[in-house]
Amino acid sequence: MIPAAGRGARFGADHPKQFCLLQGQSVLTQTVSRFLPHPDLAGIQLVLPPGMAAPDDLPDDSRIQFSQGGASRRDSVLSGCRDLLSSRQAAPADRVLVHDAARPLLPRADLQAVLEQMAHSAAYLVAPVADTLRDHAGQTLDRDQIWRVLTPQGAGLGQLIQALQSTEAELTDEVAYLQQIGVQAQAVPGNPINQKITWPADLRWANSMINELDP
C-alpha cells in the first residue's frame, strides 16, 4: 500500500512532491520500483489524489492497482485497504505493508527485514537519531532512547482496517493506530538513507544518494 494522495504543502511545488522528477523518473515510480522485484509481492495498491492520474512513467504491471485518496492519510490508507478487501485481492489475514510515496530510497535488505519480522508480529522500520535533541524548554533529550520512525510499516489487513476505523483522530503513522487497539508492532532497525522527501533540499539529497542503493 502506497498512499500517494498528499498534496505536500511543505514542499512548496505547484504539484505534489511524489510527482516530481528524481533521476529522470517520478518519485512515485522510483518508490514503486523498490517493491516490484520482490518475489513475495502479490500487488501494489496506489492511493492517488482525487482527480489525478498516475504518472506516465509508472510501469505497466498488472500487479499495480489504484484507489482514490481522501482528506487525510488515515482516509487514504483506509480507502486502499477497503478496496483490497472488496476486490478480493487480499484477505483479512494477508500481510500488508504501508510505505510513504515520498520514500524512494528503501534498501531491499530493509524491506526483507520487515517482512521477516511480520511472520511473527506487526513491524516497522526505525533508524537512530544523530543530532542532539532538546525539548521546547531547552532540556536535552537522551537520543539513545529515541528512534526516527520510517516506513514501511506492516500488519495483517484485518488488523490495519480495525485500527484505522477505531478512532477518527489523525495520528501520524499506522503503528500509532495499531497501538490504539492493543497491537504491538516490533521495531526493526533500518538504514537512515530511507529518508522521506519533505523539503526541496531533500529531493536534491535523494538525487545524489539514489545510486548508492542496491540495484
N, C-alpha and C. Protein backbone atom coordinates (compact mmCIF):
# COMPACT_ATOMS: atom_id res chain seq x y z
N MET A 1 0.85 -1.18 0.00
CA MET A 1 0.00 0.00 0.00
C MET A 1 0.88 1.23 0.00
N ILE A 2 0.72 2.07 -1.02
CA ILE A 2 1.50 3.30 -1.10
C ILE A 2 0.53 4.47 -1.17
N PRO A 3 0.31 5.14 -0.02
CA PRO A 3 -0.55 6.33 -0.05
C PRO A 3 0.18 7.48 -0.72
N ALA A 4 -0.36 7.94 -1.84
CA ALA A 4 0.29 8.98 -2.63
C ALA A 4 -0.69 10.12 -2.90
N ALA A 5 -1.62 10.33 -1.97
CA ALA A 5 -2.67 11.33 -2.18
C ALA A 5 -2.37 12.66 -1.52
N GLY A 6 -1.24 12.76 -0.79
CA GLY A 6 -0.91 14.00 -0.12
C GLY A 6 -0.54 15.11 -1.09
N ARG A 7 -0.80 16.33 -0.67
CA ARG A 7 -0.50 17.49 -1.53
C ARG A 7 0.90 18.03 -1.30
N GLY A 8 1.56 17.65 -0.21
CA GLY A 8 2.94 18.07 0.03
C GLY A 8 3.09 19.57 0.15
N ALA A 9 2.25 20.20 1.00
CA ALA A 9 2.26 21.66 1.11
C ALA A 9 3.62 22.20 1.55
N ARG A 10 4.31 21.46 2.43
CA ARG A 10 5.61 21.94 2.92
C ARG A 10 6.67 21.95 1.82
N PHE A 11 6.48 21.13 0.80
CA PHE A 11 7.46 21.06 -0.28
C PHE A 11 7.45 22.33 -1.13
N GLY A 12 6.25 22.92 -1.27
CA GLY A 12 6.16 24.22 -1.93
C GLY A 12 6.13 24.21 -3.44
N ALA A 13 5.96 23.04 -4.07
CA ALA A 13 5.90 22.98 -5.53
C ALA A 13 4.46 23.18 -6.00
N ASP A 14 4.28 23.35 -7.32
CA ASP A 14 2.93 23.53 -7.85
C ASP A 14 2.24 22.21 -8.14
N HIS A 15 2.90 21.10 -7.79
CA HIS A 15 2.28 19.78 -7.90
C HIS A 15 2.85 18.91 -6.77
N PRO A 16 2.17 17.84 -6.40
CA PRO A 16 2.63 17.01 -5.28
C PRO A 16 4.05 16.50 -5.48
N LYS A 17 4.82 16.44 -4.39
CA LYS A 17 6.24 16.09 -4.48
C LYS A 17 6.45 14.69 -5.05
N GLN A 18 5.47 13.78 -4.85
CA GLN A 18 5.63 12.42 -5.36
C GLN A 18 5.59 12.36 -6.89
N PHE A 19 5.20 13.47 -7.53
CA PHE A 19 5.19 13.55 -8.99
C PHE A 19 6.40 14.31 -9.52
N CYS A 20 7.25 14.82 -8.63
CA CYS A 20 8.48 15.48 -9.06
C CYS A 20 9.47 14.44 -9.61
N LEU A 21 10.43 14.91 -10.36
CA LEU A 21 11.39 14.00 -11.00
C LEU A 21 12.60 13.75 -10.12
N LEU A 22 13.01 12.49 -10.11
CA LEU A 22 14.21 12.06 -9.39
C LEU A 22 14.98 11.14 -10.33
N GLN A 23 16.14 11.57 -10.78
CA GLN A 23 16.93 10.80 -11.75
C GLN A 23 16.10 10.44 -12.98
N GLY A 24 15.31 11.41 -13.45
CA GLY A 24 14.57 11.23 -14.69
C GLY A 24 13.25 10.49 -14.58
N GLN A 25 12.91 10.03 -13.37
CA GLN A 25 11.62 9.36 -13.15
C GLN A 25 10.89 10.06 -12.01
N SER A 26 9.58 9.90 -11.98
CA SER A 26 8.84 10.48 -10.87
C SER A 26 9.27 9.80 -9.57
N VAL A 27 9.19 10.55 -8.47
CA VAL A 27 9.49 9.99 -7.15
C VAL A 27 8.63 8.77 -6.90
N LEU A 28 7.35 8.85 -7.27
CA LEU A 28 6.43 7.73 -7.04
C LEU A 28 6.88 6.48 -7.80
N THR A 29 7.31 6.64 -9.03
CA THR A 29 7.78 5.50 -9.82
C THR A 29 9.05 4.91 -9.21
N GLN A 30 9.95 5.76 -8.75
CA GLN A 30 11.16 5.27 -8.08
C GLN A 30 10.79 4.47 -6.83
N THR A 31 9.80 4.94 -6.08
CA THR A 31 9.36 4.23 -4.88
C THR A 31 8.76 2.88 -5.23
N VAL A 32 7.88 2.87 -6.20
CA VAL A 32 7.25 1.61 -6.62
C VAL A 32 8.30 0.60 -7.06
N SER A 33 9.35 1.08 -7.72
CA SER A 33 10.37 0.18 -8.26
C SER A 33 11.15 -0.54 -7.16
N ARG A 34 11.10 -0.06 -5.94
CA ARG A 34 11.77 -0.74 -4.83
C ARG A 34 11.03 -2.01 -4.42
N PHE A 35 9.76 -2.11 -4.79
CA PHE A 35 8.94 -3.25 -4.37
C PHE A 35 8.71 -4.28 -5.48
N LEU A 36 8.59 -3.82 -6.70
CA LEU A 36 8.18 -4.72 -7.78
C LEU A 36 9.05 -5.97 -7.94
N PRO A 37 10.37 -5.90 -7.74
CA PRO A 37 11.18 -7.12 -7.94
C PRO A 37 11.06 -8.15 -6.83
N HIS A 38 10.43 -7.81 -5.70
CA HIS A 38 10.43 -8.75 -4.57
C HIS A 38 9.57 -9.98 -4.90
N PRO A 39 10.10 -11.18 -4.69
CA PRO A 39 9.37 -12.39 -5.09
C PRO A 39 8.08 -12.64 -4.32
N ASP A 40 7.95 -12.05 -3.13
CA ASP A 40 6.75 -12.28 -2.32
C ASP A 40 5.66 -11.24 -2.57
N LEU A 41 5.91 -10.30 -3.47
CA LEU A 41 4.93 -9.25 -3.71
C LEU A 41 3.72 -9.78 -4.47
N ALA A 42 2.54 -9.63 -3.88
CA ALA A 42 1.31 -10.01 -4.57
C ALA A 42 0.74 -8.85 -5.37
N GLY A 43 0.96 -7.64 -4.90
CA GLY A 43 0.43 -6.48 -5.61
C GLY A 43 0.77 -5.19 -4.89
N ILE A 44 0.57 -4.08 -5.59
CA ILE A 44 0.76 -2.75 -5.04
C ILE A 44 -0.53 -1.97 -5.21
N GLN A 45 -1.04 -1.45 -4.11
CA GLN A 45 -2.22 -0.61 -4.14
C GLN A 45 -1.76 0.84 -4.02
N LEU A 46 -1.88 1.60 -5.11
CA LEU A 46 -1.50 3.00 -5.12
C LEU A 46 -2.74 3.85 -4.82
N VAL A 47 -2.62 4.71 -3.83
CA VAL A 47 -3.74 5.58 -3.46
C VAL A 47 -3.40 6.98 -3.96
N LEU A 48 -4.11 7.43 -4.98
CA LEU A 48 -3.79 8.68 -5.67
C LEU A 48 -4.72 9.81 -5.26
N PRO A 49 -4.29 11.06 -5.46
CA PRO A 49 -5.17 12.20 -5.16
C PRO A 49 -6.41 12.16 -6.04
N PRO A 50 -7.56 12.56 -5.50
CA PRO A 50 -8.78 12.59 -6.33
C PRO A 50 -8.57 13.45 -7.58
N GLY A 51 -8.94 12.89 -8.70
CA GLY A 51 -8.85 13.64 -9.95
C GLY A 51 -7.48 13.63 -10.60
N MET A 52 -6.49 12.96 -9.99
CA MET A 52 -5.15 12.90 -10.58
C MET A 52 -4.84 11.50 -11.06
N ALA A 53 -4.22 11.43 -12.23
CA ALA A 53 -3.82 10.14 -12.79
C ALA A 53 -2.44 9.76 -12.30
N ALA A 54 -2.11 8.50 -12.47
CA ALA A 54 -0.76 8.04 -12.13
C ALA A 54 0.24 8.68 -13.08
N PRO A 55 1.49 8.83 -12.67
CA PRO A 55 2.49 9.40 -13.57
C PRO A 55 2.68 8.53 -14.81
N ASP A 56 3.01 9.17 -15.91
CA ASP A 56 3.12 8.47 -17.18
C ASP A 56 4.22 7.41 -17.18
N ASP A 57 5.23 7.59 -16.32
CA ASP A 57 6.35 6.64 -16.34
C ASP A 57 6.15 5.45 -15.41
N LEU A 58 4.98 5.34 -14.81
CA LEU A 58 4.73 4.19 -13.93
C LEU A 58 4.76 2.90 -14.75
N PRO A 59 5.42 1.85 -14.27
CA PRO A 59 5.49 0.60 -15.04
C PRO A 59 4.11 0.04 -15.36
N ASP A 60 3.98 -0.54 -16.53
CA ASP A 60 2.74 -1.21 -16.93
C ASP A 60 2.77 -2.61 -16.36
N ASP A 61 2.28 -2.75 -15.15
CA ASP A 61 2.35 -4.02 -14.42
C ASP A 61 0.97 -4.32 -13.84
N SER A 62 0.44 -5.48 -14.14
CA SER A 62 -0.91 -5.83 -13.70
C SER A 62 -1.04 -5.93 -12.19
N ARG A 63 0.09 -6.00 -11.49
CA ARG A 63 0.03 -6.08 -10.02
C ARG A 63 -0.26 -4.72 -9.39
N ILE A 64 -0.16 -3.64 -10.17
CA ILE A 64 -0.42 -2.30 -9.65
C ILE A 64 -1.89 -1.96 -9.83
N GLN A 65 -2.57 -1.68 -8.73
CA GLN A 65 -3.97 -1.30 -8.74
C GLN A 65 -4.11 0.07 -8.06
N PHE A 66 -5.26 0.70 -8.25
CA PHE A 66 -5.39 2.10 -7.82
C PHE A 66 -6.62 2.30 -6.93
N SER A 67 -6.47 3.22 -5.99
CA SER A 67 -7.57 3.67 -5.15
C SER A 67 -7.56 5.19 -5.14
N GLN A 68 -8.69 5.75 -4.75
CA GLN A 68 -8.79 7.20 -4.62
C GLN A 68 -8.56 7.59 -3.18
N GLY A 69 -7.69 8.57 -2.97
CA GLY A 69 -7.37 9.01 -1.63
C GLY A 69 -8.43 9.90 -1.02
N GLY A 70 -8.25 10.19 0.26
CA GLY A 70 -9.18 11.03 0.99
C GLY A 70 -8.51 12.29 1.50
N ALA A 71 -9.16 12.90 2.50
CA ALA A 71 -8.68 14.19 3.01
C ALA A 71 -7.47 14.05 3.89
N SER A 72 -7.21 12.86 4.42
CA SER A 72 -6.09 12.64 5.34
C SER A 72 -5.39 11.34 4.98
N ARG A 73 -4.23 11.13 5.59
CA ARG A 73 -3.51 9.87 5.37
C ARG A 73 -4.37 8.70 5.83
N ARG A 74 -4.99 8.83 7.00
CA ARG A 74 -5.85 7.76 7.51
C ARG A 74 -6.93 7.41 6.50
N ASP A 75 -7.61 8.42 5.96
CA ASP A 75 -8.67 8.17 4.99
C ASP A 75 -8.13 7.47 3.74
N SER A 76 -6.95 7.87 3.32
CA SER A 76 -6.37 7.30 2.10
C SER A 76 -5.97 5.85 2.29
N VAL A 77 -5.29 5.56 3.41
CA VAL A 77 -4.88 4.18 3.66
C VAL A 77 -6.11 3.29 3.86
N LEU A 78 -7.09 3.80 4.57
CA LEU A 78 -8.32 3.02 4.78
C LEU A 78 -9.04 2.76 3.46
N SER A 79 -9.05 3.74 2.57
CA SER A 79 -9.66 3.55 1.26
C SER A 79 -8.96 2.43 0.49
N GLY A 80 -7.63 2.45 0.51
CA GLY A 80 -6.89 1.40 -0.17
C GLY A 80 -7.12 0.04 0.43
N CYS A 81 -7.16 -0.03 1.76
CA CYS A 81 -7.40 -1.31 2.45
C CYS A 81 -8.78 -1.87 2.11
N ARG A 82 -9.77 -1.01 2.11
CA ARG A 82 -11.14 -1.46 1.80
C ARG A 82 -11.23 -1.96 0.37
N ASP A 83 -10.53 -1.28 -0.55
CA ASP A 83 -10.54 -1.73 -1.94
C ASP A 83 -9.87 -3.10 -2.08
N LEU A 84 -8.77 -3.30 -1.35
CA LEU A 84 -8.11 -4.61 -1.36
C LEU A 84 -9.08 -5.71 -0.92
N LEU A 85 -9.83 -5.42 0.12
CA LEU A 85 -10.75 -6.42 0.67
C LEU A 85 -11.95 -6.65 -0.24
N SER A 86 -12.55 -5.56 -0.71
CA SER A 86 -13.78 -5.69 -1.51
C SER A 86 -13.50 -6.34 -2.87
N SER A 87 -12.31 -6.10 -3.41
CA SER A 87 -11.96 -6.69 -4.70
C SER A 87 -11.42 -8.11 -4.57
N ARG A 88 -11.29 -8.57 -3.33
CA ARG A 88 -10.77 -9.91 -3.02
C ARG A 88 -9.32 -10.10 -3.50
N GLN A 89 -8.62 -8.99 -3.62
CA GLN A 89 -7.19 -9.10 -3.91
C GLN A 89 -6.41 -9.54 -2.68
N ALA A 90 -6.99 -9.32 -1.50
CA ALA A 90 -6.34 -9.71 -0.26
C ALA A 90 -7.41 -10.11 0.75
N ALA A 91 -7.04 -11.01 1.64
CA ALA A 91 -7.92 -11.46 2.73
C ALA A 91 -7.48 -10.79 4.02
N PRO A 92 -8.36 -10.78 5.05
CA PRO A 92 -8.01 -10.11 6.31
C PRO A 92 -6.70 -10.59 6.93
N ALA A 93 -6.35 -11.85 6.74
CA ALA A 93 -5.12 -12.38 7.35
C ALA A 93 -3.87 -12.08 6.54
N ASP A 94 -4.01 -11.57 5.33
CA ASP A 94 -2.84 -11.29 4.49
C ASP A 94 -2.04 -10.12 5.04
N ARG A 95 -0.73 -10.18 4.82
CA ARG A 95 0.16 -9.13 5.30
C ARG A 95 0.14 -7.95 4.33
N VAL A 96 0.05 -6.76 4.90
CA VAL A 96 0.07 -5.53 4.10
C VAL A 96 1.13 -4.59 4.66
N LEU A 97 1.98 -4.10 3.78
CA LEU A 97 2.94 -3.07 4.14
C LEU A 97 2.41 -1.72 3.66
N VAL A 98 2.59 -0.70 4.47
CA VAL A 98 2.25 0.67 4.07
C VAL A 98 3.55 1.45 4.00
N HIS A 99 3.79 2.06 2.84
CA HIS A 99 5.06 2.77 2.63
C HIS A 99 4.79 4.15 2.04
N ASP A 100 5.50 5.15 2.57
CA ASP A 100 5.34 6.52 2.08
C ASP A 100 5.73 6.63 0.61
N ALA A 101 4.91 7.31 -0.16
CA ALA A 101 5.23 7.53 -1.57
C ALA A 101 6.51 8.33 -1.73
N ALA A 102 6.81 9.17 -0.75
CA ALA A 102 7.98 10.06 -0.84
C ALA A 102 9.21 9.48 -0.16
N ARG A 103 9.28 8.15 -0.04
CA ARG A 103 10.49 7.49 0.45
C ARG A 103 11.02 6.55 -0.64
N PRO A 104 11.71 7.11 -1.64
CA PRO A 104 12.19 6.28 -2.74
C PRO A 104 13.52 5.57 -2.46
N LEU A 105 14.11 5.80 -1.29
CA LEU A 105 15.44 5.24 -1.00
C LEU A 105 15.36 4.08 -0.01
N LEU A 106 14.45 3.16 -0.25
CA LEU A 106 14.28 1.99 0.61
C LEU A 106 15.24 0.88 0.20
N PRO A 107 16.20 0.52 1.05
CA PRO A 107 17.09 -0.60 0.71
C PRO A 107 16.33 -1.93 0.70
N ARG A 108 16.67 -2.79 -0.21
CA ARG A 108 15.97 -4.08 -0.31
C ARG A 108 16.18 -4.92 0.96
N ALA A 109 17.36 -4.80 1.58
CA ALA A 109 17.61 -5.55 2.81
C ALA A 109 16.66 -5.13 3.92
N ASP A 110 16.31 -3.84 3.97
CA ASP A 110 15.38 -3.37 5.00
C ASP A 110 13.97 -3.87 4.73
N LEU A 111 13.57 -3.87 3.46
CA LEU A 111 12.27 -4.43 3.09
C LEU A 111 12.19 -5.89 3.52
N GLN A 112 13.23 -6.65 3.26
CA GLN A 112 13.25 -8.06 3.63
C GLN A 112 13.19 -8.24 5.14
N ALA A 113 13.90 -7.39 5.87
CA ALA A 113 13.92 -7.50 7.33
C ALA A 113 12.53 -7.27 7.93
N VAL A 114 11.80 -6.30 7.40
CA VAL A 114 10.44 -6.05 7.88
C VAL A 114 9.53 -7.24 7.57
N LEU A 115 9.64 -7.77 6.37
CA LEU A 115 8.80 -8.92 6.00
C LEU A 115 9.10 -10.13 6.89
N GLU A 116 10.35 -10.35 7.21
CA GLU A 116 10.69 -11.48 8.07
C GLU A 116 10.12 -11.30 9.47
N GLN A 117 10.14 -10.07 9.99
CA GLN A 117 9.55 -9.82 11.30
C GLN A 117 8.05 -9.98 11.27
N MET A 118 7.43 -9.67 10.15
CA MET A 118 5.97 -9.77 10.04
C MET A 118 5.48 -11.21 10.06
N ALA A 119 6.37 -12.17 9.94
CA ALA A 119 5.97 -13.56 10.14
C ALA A 119 5.60 -13.80 11.60
N HIS A 120 5.99 -12.87 12.49
CA HIS A 120 5.76 -13.06 13.92
C HIS A 120 4.90 -11.95 14.54
N SER A 121 4.93 -10.76 13.97
CA SER A 121 4.20 -9.64 14.56
C SER A 121 4.08 -8.51 13.55
N ALA A 122 3.27 -7.51 13.90
CA ALA A 122 3.31 -6.27 13.14
C ALA A 122 4.72 -5.68 13.27
N ALA A 123 5.14 -4.90 12.28
CA ALA A 123 6.53 -4.45 12.26
C ALA A 123 6.65 -3.10 11.57
N TYR A 124 7.75 -2.41 11.90
CA TYR A 124 8.02 -1.14 11.25
C TYR A 124 9.51 -0.84 11.32
N LEU A 125 9.99 -0.03 10.38
CA LEU A 125 11.40 0.33 10.33
C LEU A 125 11.69 1.55 11.18
N VAL A 126 12.86 1.55 11.80
CA VAL A 126 13.32 2.70 12.57
C VAL A 126 14.79 2.96 12.24
N ALA A 127 15.26 4.15 12.59
CA ALA A 127 16.67 4.49 12.43
C ALA A 127 17.09 5.34 13.62
N PRO A 128 18.36 5.29 13.99
CA PRO A 128 18.84 6.08 15.13
C PRO A 128 18.82 7.58 14.82
N VAL A 129 18.86 8.38 15.87
CA VAL A 129 18.93 9.83 15.75
C VAL A 129 20.37 10.28 15.94
N ALA A 130 20.89 11.08 15.03
CA ALA A 130 22.28 11.51 15.10
C ALA A 130 22.44 12.86 15.81
N ASP A 131 21.44 13.72 15.70
CA ASP A 131 21.56 15.07 16.24
C ASP A 131 21.30 15.11 17.75
N THR A 132 21.82 16.15 18.40
CA THR A 132 21.41 16.45 19.76
C THR A 132 19.98 16.95 19.73
N LEU A 133 19.16 16.48 20.66
CA LEU A 133 17.75 16.85 20.69
C LEU A 133 17.43 17.57 22.00
N ARG A 134 16.64 18.64 21.89
CA ARG A 134 16.16 19.35 23.08
C ARG A 134 14.67 19.59 22.94
N ASP A 135 13.96 19.60 24.08
CA ASP A 135 12.54 19.92 24.05
C ASP A 135 12.36 21.44 24.03
N HIS A 136 11.11 21.89 24.02
CA HIS A 136 10.83 23.32 23.91
C HIS A 136 11.32 24.10 25.12
N ALA A 137 11.50 23.42 26.24
CA ALA A 137 12.02 24.08 27.44
C ALA A 137 13.54 24.13 27.46
N GLY A 138 14.18 23.57 26.43
CA GLY A 138 15.63 23.60 26.36
C GLY A 138 16.32 22.43 27.01
N GLN A 139 15.55 21.45 27.47
CA GLN A 139 16.14 20.29 28.13
C GLN A 139 16.62 19.29 27.08
N THR A 140 17.85 18.81 27.26
CA THR A 140 18.41 17.83 26.33
C THR A 140 17.77 16.47 26.54
N LEU A 141 17.37 15.83 25.44
CA LEU A 141 16.76 14.51 25.47
C LEU A 141 17.83 13.45 25.20
N ASP A 142 17.61 12.28 25.75
CA ASP A 142 18.54 11.17 25.54
C ASP A 142 18.26 10.54 24.18
N ARG A 143 19.11 10.86 23.21
CA ARG A 143 18.85 10.38 21.86
C ARG A 143 18.98 8.86 21.74
N ASP A 144 19.67 8.23 22.70
CA ASP A 144 19.78 6.78 22.67
C ASP A 144 18.44 6.11 22.96
N GLN A 145 17.48 6.87 23.48
CA GLN A 145 16.15 6.35 23.79
C GLN A 145 15.12 6.74 22.74
N ILE A 146 15.58 7.33 21.64
CA ILE A 146 14.67 7.87 20.64
C ILE A 146 15.01 7.28 19.27
N TRP A 147 13.98 6.93 18.52
CA TRP A 147 14.14 6.43 17.16
C TRP A 147 13.48 7.39 16.18
N ARG A 148 14.05 7.49 14.99
CA ARG A 148 13.30 8.03 13.85
C ARG A 148 12.43 6.90 13.32
N VAL A 149 11.15 7.17 13.13
CA VAL A 149 10.23 6.15 12.65
C VAL A 149 10.12 6.27 11.13
N LEU A 150 10.37 5.17 10.44
CA LEU A 150 10.37 5.13 8.99
C LEU A 150 9.20 4.27 8.49
N THR A 151 9.14 4.09 7.20
CA THR A 151 8.25 3.09 6.60
C THR A 151 9.12 2.23 5.68
N PRO A 152 8.63 1.01 5.34
CA PRO A 152 7.28 0.50 5.52
C PRO A 152 6.96 0.07 6.95
N GLN A 153 5.63 0.11 7.20
CA GLN A 153 5.06 -0.42 8.43
C GLN A 153 4.02 -1.45 8.02
N GLY A 154 3.99 -2.59 8.71
CA GLY A 154 3.13 -3.66 8.22
C GLY A 154 2.38 -4.39 9.31
N ALA A 155 1.22 -4.92 8.92
CA ALA A 155 0.38 -5.72 9.80
C ALA A 155 -0.57 -6.52 8.92
N GLY A 156 -1.41 -7.34 9.55
CA GLY A 156 -2.45 -8.03 8.81
C GLY A 156 -3.47 -7.03 8.30
N LEU A 157 -4.04 -7.28 7.13
CA LEU A 157 -5.01 -6.36 6.55
C LEU A 157 -6.19 -6.12 7.49
N GLY A 158 -6.71 -7.19 8.09
CA GLY A 158 -7.83 -7.03 9.00
C GLY A 158 -7.47 -6.18 10.22
N GLN A 159 -6.27 -6.41 10.77
CA GLN A 159 -5.80 -5.60 11.90
C GLN A 159 -5.73 -4.13 11.51
N LEU A 160 -5.18 -3.87 10.34
CA LEU A 160 -4.99 -2.50 9.90
C LEU A 160 -6.32 -1.78 9.71
N ILE A 161 -7.29 -2.45 9.10
CA ILE A 161 -8.60 -1.85 8.92
C ILE A 161 -9.25 -1.57 10.27
N GLN A 162 -9.20 -2.54 11.19
CA GLN A 162 -9.76 -2.34 12.52
C GLN A 162 -9.12 -1.15 13.22
N ALA A 163 -7.80 -1.06 13.11
CA ALA A 163 -7.08 0.03 13.78
C ALA A 163 -7.46 1.39 13.19
N LEU A 164 -7.53 1.48 11.88
CA LEU A 164 -7.85 2.76 11.24
C LEU A 164 -9.30 3.17 11.50
N GLN A 165 -10.17 2.21 11.70
CA GLN A 165 -11.57 2.51 11.97
C GLN A 165 -11.84 2.78 13.45
N SER A 166 -10.85 2.54 14.31
CA SER A 166 -11.08 2.60 15.75
C SER A 166 -11.17 4.02 16.30
N THR A 167 -10.68 4.99 15.56
CA THR A 167 -10.69 6.36 16.01
C THR A 167 -10.71 7.30 14.82
N GLU A 168 -11.26 8.47 15.03
CA GLU A 168 -11.24 9.49 13.98
C GLU A 168 -10.08 10.46 14.19
N ALA A 169 -9.29 10.23 15.21
CA ALA A 169 -8.12 11.08 15.46
C ALA A 169 -7.12 10.93 14.32
N GLU A 170 -6.43 12.01 14.01
CA GLU A 170 -5.43 11.98 12.96
C GLU A 170 -4.07 11.72 13.59
N LEU A 171 -3.64 10.46 13.57
CA LEU A 171 -2.34 10.07 14.10
C LEU A 171 -1.32 10.10 12.97
N THR A 172 -0.04 10.02 13.32
CA THR A 172 0.99 10.29 12.33
C THR A 172 1.44 9.08 11.52
N ASP A 173 1.16 7.87 12.00
CA ASP A 173 1.56 6.69 11.24
C ASP A 173 0.67 5.51 11.59
N GLU A 174 0.83 4.42 10.83
CA GLU A 174 -0.05 3.27 11.02
C GLU A 174 0.20 2.58 12.36
N VAL A 175 1.45 2.56 12.83
CA VAL A 175 1.75 1.93 14.11
C VAL A 175 0.97 2.59 15.25
N ALA A 176 0.83 3.90 15.20
CA ALA A 176 0.08 4.60 16.24
C ALA A 176 -1.37 4.12 16.28
N TYR A 177 -1.96 3.87 15.13
CA TYR A 177 -3.33 3.35 15.08
C TYR A 177 -3.37 1.92 15.62
N LEU A 178 -2.40 1.11 15.24
CA LEU A 178 -2.36 -0.27 15.73
C LEU A 178 -2.24 -0.30 17.25
N GLN A 179 -1.44 0.59 17.82
CA GLN A 179 -1.28 0.64 19.26
C GLN A 179 -2.59 0.99 19.95
N GLN A 180 -3.46 1.75 19.28
CA GLN A 180 -4.75 2.14 19.85
C GLN A 180 -5.64 0.93 20.12
N ILE A 181 -5.42 -0.14 19.36
CA ILE A 181 -6.26 -1.34 19.57
C ILE A 181 -5.47 -2.46 20.24
N GLY A 182 -4.31 -2.11 20.79
CA GLY A 182 -3.53 -3.09 21.55
C GLY A 182 -2.60 -3.96 20.74
N VAL A 183 -2.39 -3.65 19.47
CA VAL A 183 -1.46 -4.42 18.65
C VAL A 183 -0.07 -3.82 18.82
N GLN A 184 0.86 -4.63 19.30
CA GLN A 184 2.22 -4.16 19.49
C GLN A 184 3.07 -4.50 18.27
N ALA A 185 3.62 -3.49 17.66
CA ALA A 185 4.46 -3.67 16.49
C ALA A 185 5.93 -3.67 16.91
N GLN A 186 6.71 -4.52 16.28
CA GLN A 186 8.13 -4.64 16.60
C GLN A 186 8.94 -3.69 15.73
N ALA A 187 9.79 -2.89 16.37
CA ALA A 187 10.69 -2.00 15.64
C ALA A 187 11.83 -2.80 15.03
N VAL A 188 12.12 -2.55 13.76
CA VAL A 188 13.19 -3.23 13.03
C VAL A 188 14.22 -2.18 12.62
N PRO A 189 15.46 -2.28 13.09
CA PRO A 189 16.48 -1.29 12.71
C PRO A 189 16.69 -1.25 11.20
N GLY A 190 16.69 -0.03 10.67
CA GLY A 190 16.85 0.15 9.23
C GLY A 190 17.95 1.13 8.91
N ASN A 191 18.13 1.37 7.64
CA ASN A 191 19.18 2.25 7.13
C ASN A 191 18.67 3.69 7.10
N PRO A 192 19.42 4.64 7.69
CA PRO A 192 18.98 6.04 7.69
C PRO A 192 18.83 6.66 6.30
N ILE A 193 19.35 6.01 5.27
CA ILE A 193 19.19 6.54 3.91
C ILE A 193 17.72 6.60 3.51
N ASN A 194 16.89 5.82 4.16
CA ASN A 194 15.46 5.74 3.85
C ASN A 194 14.74 6.98 4.39
N GLN A 195 15.09 8.11 3.83
CA GLN A 195 14.59 9.39 4.31
C GLN A 195 13.40 9.85 3.49
N LYS A 196 12.45 10.48 4.14
CA LYS A 196 11.27 10.99 3.44
C LYS A 196 11.58 12.33 2.81
N ILE A 197 11.14 12.51 1.59
CA ILE A 197 11.29 13.80 0.91
C ILE A 197 10.19 14.73 1.41
N THR A 198 10.60 15.77 2.12
CA THR A 198 9.66 16.73 2.68
C THR A 198 9.90 18.13 2.14
N TRP A 199 11.18 18.52 2.05
CA TRP A 199 11.58 19.84 1.60
C TRP A 199 12.32 19.72 0.25
N PRO A 200 12.41 20.80 -0.52
CA PRO A 200 13.14 20.73 -1.79
C PRO A 200 14.57 20.23 -1.64
N ALA A 201 15.24 20.57 -0.55
CA ALA A 201 16.61 20.09 -0.34
C ALA A 201 16.66 18.58 -0.21
N ASP A 202 15.59 17.97 0.30
CA ASP A 202 15.55 16.52 0.43
C ASP A 202 15.57 15.85 -0.94
N LEU A 203 14.91 16.47 -1.91
CA LEU A 203 14.90 15.91 -3.26
C LEU A 203 16.30 15.98 -3.88
N ARG A 204 16.99 17.08 -3.64
CA ARG A 204 18.36 17.20 -4.15
C ARG A 204 19.27 16.16 -3.49
N TRP A 205 19.07 15.96 -2.19
CA TRP A 205 19.87 14.95 -1.48
C TRP A 205 19.58 13.55 -2.03
N ALA A 206 18.29 13.25 -2.23
CA ALA A 206 17.91 11.94 -2.77
C ALA A 206 18.52 11.73 -4.14
N ASN A 207 18.57 12.78 -4.94
CA ASN A 207 19.16 12.68 -6.28
C ASN A 207 20.63 12.29 -6.21
N SER A 208 21.31 12.75 -5.16
CA SER A 208 22.73 12.43 -5.02
C SER A 208 22.96 11.05 -4.41
N MET A 209 21.95 10.50 -3.75
CA MET A 209 22.12 9.25 -3.00
C MET A 209 21.52 8.03 -3.67
N ILE A 210 20.63 8.21 -4.62
CA ILE A 210 19.87 7.07 -5.13
C ILE A 210 20.75 6.03 -5.80
N ASN A 211 21.87 6.45 -6.35
CA ASN A 211 22.78 5.48 -6.98
C ASN A 211 23.54 4.64 -5.96
N GLU A 212 23.42 5.01 -4.67
CA GLU A 212 24.06 4.22 -3.61
C GLU A 212 23.23 3.00 -3.24
N LEU A 213 21.97 2.96 -3.68
CA LEU A 213 21.10 1.84 -3.36
C LEU A 213 21.49 0.60 -4.14
N ASP A 214 21.09 -0.56 -3.60
CA ASP A 214 21.28 -1.81 -4.32
C ASP A 214 20.43 -1.77 -5.59
N PRO A 215 20.88 -2.40 -6.67
CA PRO A 215 20.15 -2.33 -7.95
C PRO A 215 18.83 -3.10 -7.88
